[in-house]
Amino acid sequence: MLSLQFGPFALPLNPLLMLAGWWLAAWLADRMSGPLGEPTRRMAGRGLVMGAVVGLIASRGAFVALAWEAYASEPLTMLNLRDGGWMPWAGLAAGLGVLGGFAWRYPATRRALAVGATAGVAAWSLASTVLGVHERPALPALVLPSVDGSTQTLASDGRPMVVNLWATWCAPCRTEMPILAHAQLQHPQLRFVFVNHGEAAATAASWLASQPYELQNVLLDTRQQLAPAVGTSGLPTTLFVDGQGRIVERHFGPLSAPSLAAALSRLR
């Protein structure tokens, strides 16, 4: 499962689970440090907040630094945190460094910080595993009609694939589509497939005809089979599939050029 549906809105599941894990860590640290006095309690809470904030900034900053050439032309796009551009190990190291600094400076907080942080990470890891955030389901071999009237089987032909689920009414889908269209031209060794979610052929074809770019391999999933099969309820969702047809990465939300380039590098 990649997302949670609330009426017409879908929210990414993993950040919500991370937030819940951080809340658990803060609650435990507060309970454990409470009997030690208000200053210790305050320092334990501050350490967890600063660790989380510094970790997020470091994770994003490291990704932006490595992909700076792609961000340089539009620097404001680095503030779009939905694009999935993160370096988790950099964030983890920075967060642990902050917690270590607090534990060294305020020895009374050590046990509360250690137990809280460990419990929060364990809760996030368990919940995300149980709810399938890290699942890599096989790409279903659906036979789908193409927007041009032919049919295609959604299966690997031996090349790595990028499968994008989209719809004309989805604003984030429209935002990322030029980036994907450009990548399709730049990477002929990869197979890009664009699966329209639940719309009629005329609707999809009319919108595509009005765009300044051309997409190849546009399929129609009028019965909306693909999204639940790969564990998503929201759009856009992009699947990165290896040459054996295994989904190796799933991304919910709009992709930026740097985050797409990073995902393609991992896929290759």
Protein backbone atom coordinates (compact mmCIF):
# COMPACT_ATOMS: atom_id res chain seq x y z
CA MET A 1 0.00 0.00 0.00
CA LEU A 2 1.42 3.36 -1.06
CA SER A 3 -1.37 5.76 -0.14
CA LEU A 4 -4.45 6.30 1.96
CA GLN A 5 -7.66 7.52 0.34
CA PHE A 6 -9.76 10.17 2.09
CA GLY A 7 -12.69 10.91 -0.19
CA PRO A 8 -11.24 12.50 -3.34
CA PHE A 9 -7.82 12.92 -1.72
CA ALA A 10 -4.96 10.45 -1.43
CA LEU A 11 -2.08 10.90 1.00
CA PRO A 12 1.27 9.09 0.87
CA LEU A 13 1.32 6.42 3.57
CA ASN A 14 5.01 6.30 4.45
CA PRO A 15 5.32 9.92 5.68
CA LEU A 16 2.21 9.42 7.80
CA LEU A 17 3.77 6.34 9.40
CA MET A 18 7.01 8.24 10.00
CA LEU A 19 5.03 10.99 11.71
CA ALA A 20 3.28 8.40 13.88
CA GLY A 21 6.66 6.85 14.78
CA TRP A 22 8.04 10.25 15.75
CA TRP A 23 4.94 10.93 17.90
CA LEU A 24 5.47 7.61 19.70
CA ALA A 25 9.15 8.44 20.26
CA ALA A 26 8.28 11.85 21.68
CA TRP A 27 5.54 10.42 23.93
CA LEU A 28 7.84 7.74 25.37
CA ALA A 29 10.68 10.20 25.92
CA ASP A 30 8.28 12.55 27.66
CA ARG A 31 6.93 9.81 29.95
CA MET A 32 10.38 8.49 30.82
CA SER A 33 11.98 11.87 31.50
CA GLY A 34 9.00 13.37 33.34
CA PRO A 35 9.99 12.10 36.81
CA LEU A 36 13.48 13.58 36.32
CA GLY A 37 12.18 17.14 36.32
CA GLU A 38 10.95 19.72 33.86
CA PRO A 39 14.39 20.75 32.46
CA THR A 40 15.27 17.14 31.58
CA ARG A 41 11.83 16.56 30.10
CA ARG A 42 12.17 19.70 27.99
CA MET A 43 15.63 18.75 26.74
CA ALA A 44 14.51 15.22 25.78
CA GLY A 45 11.61 16.60 23.75
CA ARG A 46 13.81 19.22 22.14
CA GLY A 47 16.40 16.60 21.19
CA LEU A 48 13.85 14.46 19.36
CA VAL A 49 12.36 17.45 17.53
CA MET A 50 15.77 18.74 16.45
CA GLY A 51 16.91 15.24 15.46
CA ALA A 52 13.88 14.80 13.20
CA VAL A 53 14.13 18.26 11.64
CA VAL A 54 17.89 18.11 11.06
CA GLY A 55 17.54 14.58 9.66
CA LEU A 56 14.92 15.69 7.12
CA ILE A 57 16.96 18.73 6.08
CA ALA A 58 20.13 16.65 5.69
CA SER A 59 18.33 13.96 3.71
CA ARG A 60 16.86 16.47 1.29
CA GLY A 61 20.00 18.62 1.17
CA ALA A 62 22.24 15.68 0.29
CA PHE A 63 19.96 14.68 -2.58
CA VAL A 64 19.79 18.25 -3.91
CA ALA A 65 23.57 18.61 -3.68
CA LEU A 66 24.16 15.44 -5.73
CA ALA A 67 21.56 16.47 -8.32
CA TRP A 68 22.35 20.19 -8.32
CA GLU A 69 22.79 20.48 -12.09
CA ALA A 70 19.20 19.36 -12.58
CA TYR A 71 17.89 21.78 -9.93
CA ALA A 72 20.05 24.75 -10.97
CA SER A 73 17.80 25.87 -13.83
CA GLU A 74 14.74 25.92 -11.52
CA PRO A 75 16.07 26.23 -7.96
CA LEU A 76 12.62 26.64 -6.41
CA THR A 77 11.79 23.05 -7.36
CA MET A 78 14.12 21.87 -4.60
CA LEU A 79 11.39 22.97 -2.17
CA ASN A 80 8.92 20.48 -3.69
CA LEU A 81 9.25 17.75 -1.08
CA ARG A 82 6.66 15.55 -2.81
CA ASP A 83 9.04 14.56 -5.60
CA GLY A 84 10.69 11.83 -3.53
CA GLY A 85 14.20 13.26 -3.68
CA TRP A 86 15.82 12.07 -0.43
CA MET A 87 19.07 10.50 0.75
CA PRO A 88 17.87 8.41 3.72
CA TRP A 89 21.34 7.48 5.00
CA ALA A 90 22.39 11.13 5.18
CA GLY A 91 19.25 11.97 7.13
CA LEU A 92 19.71 9.03 9.50
CA ALA A 93 23.34 9.95 10.19
CA ALA A 94 22.47 13.60 10.84
CA GLY A 95 19.53 12.72 13.10
CA LEU A 96 21.60 10.27 15.14
CA GLY A 97 24.35 12.88 15.39
CA VAL A 98 21.91 15.37 16.93
CA LEU A 99 20.58 12.78 19.40
CA GLY A 100 24.14 11.81 20.30
CA GLY A 101 25.00 15.44 20.93
CA PHE A 102 22.03 15.92 23.23
CA ALA A 103 22.80 12.69 25.09
CA TRP A 104 26.42 13.78 25.60
CA ARG A 105 25.50 17.28 26.78
CA TYR A 106 22.51 16.26 28.90
CA PRO A 107 23.30 12.83 30.38
CA ALA A 108 19.96 12.63 32.18
CA THR A 109 18.16 12.43 28.80
CA ARG A 110 20.15 9.47 27.47
CA ARG A 111 17.77 6.67 28.44
CA ALA A 112 14.65 8.58 27.35
CA LEU A 113 16.21 9.51 23.99
CA ALA A 114 17.50 6.00 23.32
CA VAL A 115 14.24 4.24 24.21
CA GLY A 116 12.04 6.80 22.45
CA ALA A 117 14.06 6.85 19.22
CA THR A 118 14.40 3.06 19.12
CA ALA A 119 10.68 2.53 19.71
CA GLY A 120 9.73 5.11 17.08
CA VAL A 121 11.95 3.58 14.40
CA ALA A 122 10.79 0.06 15.29
CA ALA A 123 7.12 1.08 15.16
CA TRP A 124 7.57 2.75 11.76
CA SER A 125 9.48 -0.26 10.41
CA LEU A 126 6.87 -2.76 11.64
CA ALA A 127 3.86 -0.74 10.49
CA SER A 128 5.32 0.01 7.06
CA THR A 129 6.17 -3.67 6.57
CA VAL A 130 2.75 -4.92 7.70
CA LEU A 131 0.92 -2.36 5.55
CA GLY A 132 3.03 -3.18 2.49
CA VAL A 133 4.81 0.16 2.01
CA HIS A 134 7.97 -1.71 1.00
CA GLU A 135 6.23 -4.41 -1.03
CA ARG A 136 7.38 -4.99 -4.57
CA PRO A 137 4.42 -6.77 -6.21
CA ALA A 138 4.89 -8.35 -9.61
CA LEU A 139 3.70 -6.25 -12.52
CA PRO A 140 0.39 -7.81 -13.60
CA ALA A 141 0.35 -8.93 -17.23
CA LEU A 142 -2.83 -7.06 -18.12
CA VAL A 143 -3.99 -6.87 -21.73
CA LEU A 144 -5.06 -3.28 -22.24
CA PRO A 145 -6.33 -1.32 -25.23
CA SER A 146 -4.12 1.40 -26.58
CA VAL A 147 -5.30 4.92 -27.20
CA ASP A 148 -4.74 4.31 -30.91
CA GLY A 149 -7.08 1.29 -30.97
CA SER A 150 -4.56 -1.57 -30.75
CA THR A 151 -3.91 -3.71 -27.68
CA GLN A 152 -0.77 -4.32 -25.64
CA THR A 153 0.19 -6.66 -22.85
CA LEU A 154 1.55 -4.89 -19.82
CA ALA A 155 4.55 -7.17 -19.46
CA SER A 156 8.29 -6.83 -19.78
CA ASP A 157 9.86 -7.37 -23.19
CA GLY A 158 13.28 -7.78 -21.56
CA ARG A 159 13.91 -4.08 -21.15
CA PRO A 160 13.48 -2.20 -17.87
CA MET A 161 10.17 -0.37 -17.79
CA VAL A 162 8.71 2.82 -16.39
CA VAL A 163 4.93 2.53 -15.96
CA ASN A 164 3.07 5.74 -15.16
CA LEU A 165 -0.55 5.74 -13.93
CA TRP A 166 -2.26 9.00 -14.80
CA ALA A 167 -5.53 10.73 -15.68
CA THR A 168 -6.42 13.97 -17.45
CA TRP A 169 -8.22 15.35 -14.36
CA CYS A 170 -5.14 14.82 -12.16
CA ALA A 171 -3.21 18.11 -11.84
CA PRO A 172 0.04 16.52 -10.53
CA CYS A 173 -0.11 14.06 -13.44
CA ARG A 174 -0.25 16.94 -15.90
CA THR A 175 2.64 18.66 -14.12
CA GLU A 176 5.01 15.70 -14.36
CA MET A 177 4.00 14.51 -17.84
CA PRO A 178 6.42 16.75 -19.83
CA ILE A 179 9.29 15.41 -17.68
CA LEU A 180 8.29 11.82 -18.44
CA ALA A 181 7.77 12.58 -22.12
CA HIS A 182 11.29 14.04 -22.34
CA ALA A 183 12.72 11.01 -20.53
CA GLN A 184 10.99 8.69 -22.99
CA LEU A 185 12.83 10.42 -25.83
CA GLN A 186 16.16 10.49 -23.99
CA HIS A 187 16.13 6.81 -22.92
CA PRO A 188 15.10 4.58 -25.84
CA GLN A 189 16.72 1.62 -24.05
CA LEU A 190 13.89 1.79 -21.51
CA ARG A 191 10.25 1.05 -22.20
CA PHE A 192 7.92 3.81 -21.00
CA VAL A 193 4.22 2.95 -20.68
CA PHE A 194 1.53 5.46 -19.76
CA VAL A 195 -1.61 3.83 -18.34
CA ASN A 196 -4.64 6.09 -18.22
CA HIS A 197 -6.73 5.35 -15.13
CA GLY A 198 -10.43 4.90 -15.81
CA GLU A 199 -11.09 7.37 -18.64
CA ALA A 200 -12.55 6.86 -22.10
CA ALA A 201 -10.26 6.71 -25.11
CA ALA A 202 -11.72 9.94 -26.55
CA THR A 203 -11.02 11.85 -23.33
CA ALA A 204 -7.40 10.74 -23.12
CA ALA A 205 -6.77 11.18 -26.85
CA SER A 206 -8.26 14.69 -26.90
CA TRP A 207 -6.11 15.85 -24.00
CA LEU A 208 -2.94 14.30 -25.43
CA ALA A 209 -3.56 15.94 -28.81
CA SER A 210 -3.59 19.37 -27.12
CA GLN A 211 -0.12 18.91 -25.61
CA PRO A 212 3.15 20.14 -27.18
CA TYR A 213 4.75 16.70 -26.83
CA GLU A 214 3.95 13.20 -28.03
CA LEU A 215 3.74 10.08 -25.89
CA GLN A 216 4.30 6.53 -27.05
CA ASN A 217 2.67 3.46 -25.48
CA VAL A 218 -0.44 5.07 -24.01
CA LEU A 219 -2.82 2.40 -22.68
CA LEU A 220 -6.32 2.61 -21.23
CA ASP A 221 -7.21 0.93 -17.97
CA THR A 222 -10.94 1.62 -18.14
CA ARG A 223 -11.70 -1.03 -15.49
CA GLN A 224 -9.12 0.46 -13.11
CA GLN A 225 -7.35 -2.85 -12.50
CA LEU A 226 -3.72 -1.78 -12.30
CA ALA A 227 -3.80 0.63 -9.34
CA PRO A 228 -5.19 -1.83 -6.74
CA ALA A 229 -2.98 -4.61 -8.12
CA VAL A 230 0.17 -2.59 -7.35
CA GLY A 231 -1.08 -1.21 -4.02
CA THR A 232 -1.98 2.39 -4.77
CA SER A 233 -5.20 4.36 -4.59
CA GLY A 234 -3.91 7.71 -5.80
CA LEU A 235 -2.46 9.37 -8.87
CA PRO A 236 0.10 9.85 -10.20
CA THR A 237 1.90 6.62 -9.39
CA THR A 238 5.05 5.56 -11.23
CA LEU A 239 6.41 2.01 -11.24
CA PHE A 240 10.01 1.15 -12.04
CA VAL A 241 10.23 -2.40 -13.37
CA ASP A 242 13.36 -4.43 -14.08
CA GLY A 243 13.98 -6.55 -17.17
CA GLN A 244 12.42 -9.60 -15.51
CA GLY A 245 9.13 -7.82 -14.90
CA ARG A 246 9.65 -7.22 -11.17
CA ILE A 247 8.63 -3.89 -9.67
CA VAL A 248 11.75 -2.64 -7.92
CA GLU A 249 10.47 0.80 -6.92
CA ARG A 250 7.10 2.53 -6.59
CA HIS A 251 6.61 6.29 -6.39
CA PHE A 252 3.36 8.00 -5.41
CA GLY A 253 3.11 11.68 -6.31
CA PRO A 254 4.63 13.89 -9.01
CA LEU A 255 8.21 13.29 -10.07
CA SER A 256 10.68 16.10 -10.67
CA ALA A 257 13.40 15.81 -13.28
CA PRO A 258 16.11 15.13 -10.64
CA SER A 259 14.08 12.52 -8.78
CA LEU A 260 13.18 10.77 -12.05
CA ALA A 261 16.83 10.80 -13.14
CA ALA A 262 17.86 9.26 -9.80
CA ALA A 263 15.20 6.54 -10.11
CA LEU A 264 16.25 5.75 -13.69
CA SER A 265 19.87 5.50 -12.58
CA ARG A 266 18.89 2.96 -9.92
CA LEU A 267 16.77 1.06 -12.46
CA ARG A 268 19.64 0.80 -14.94
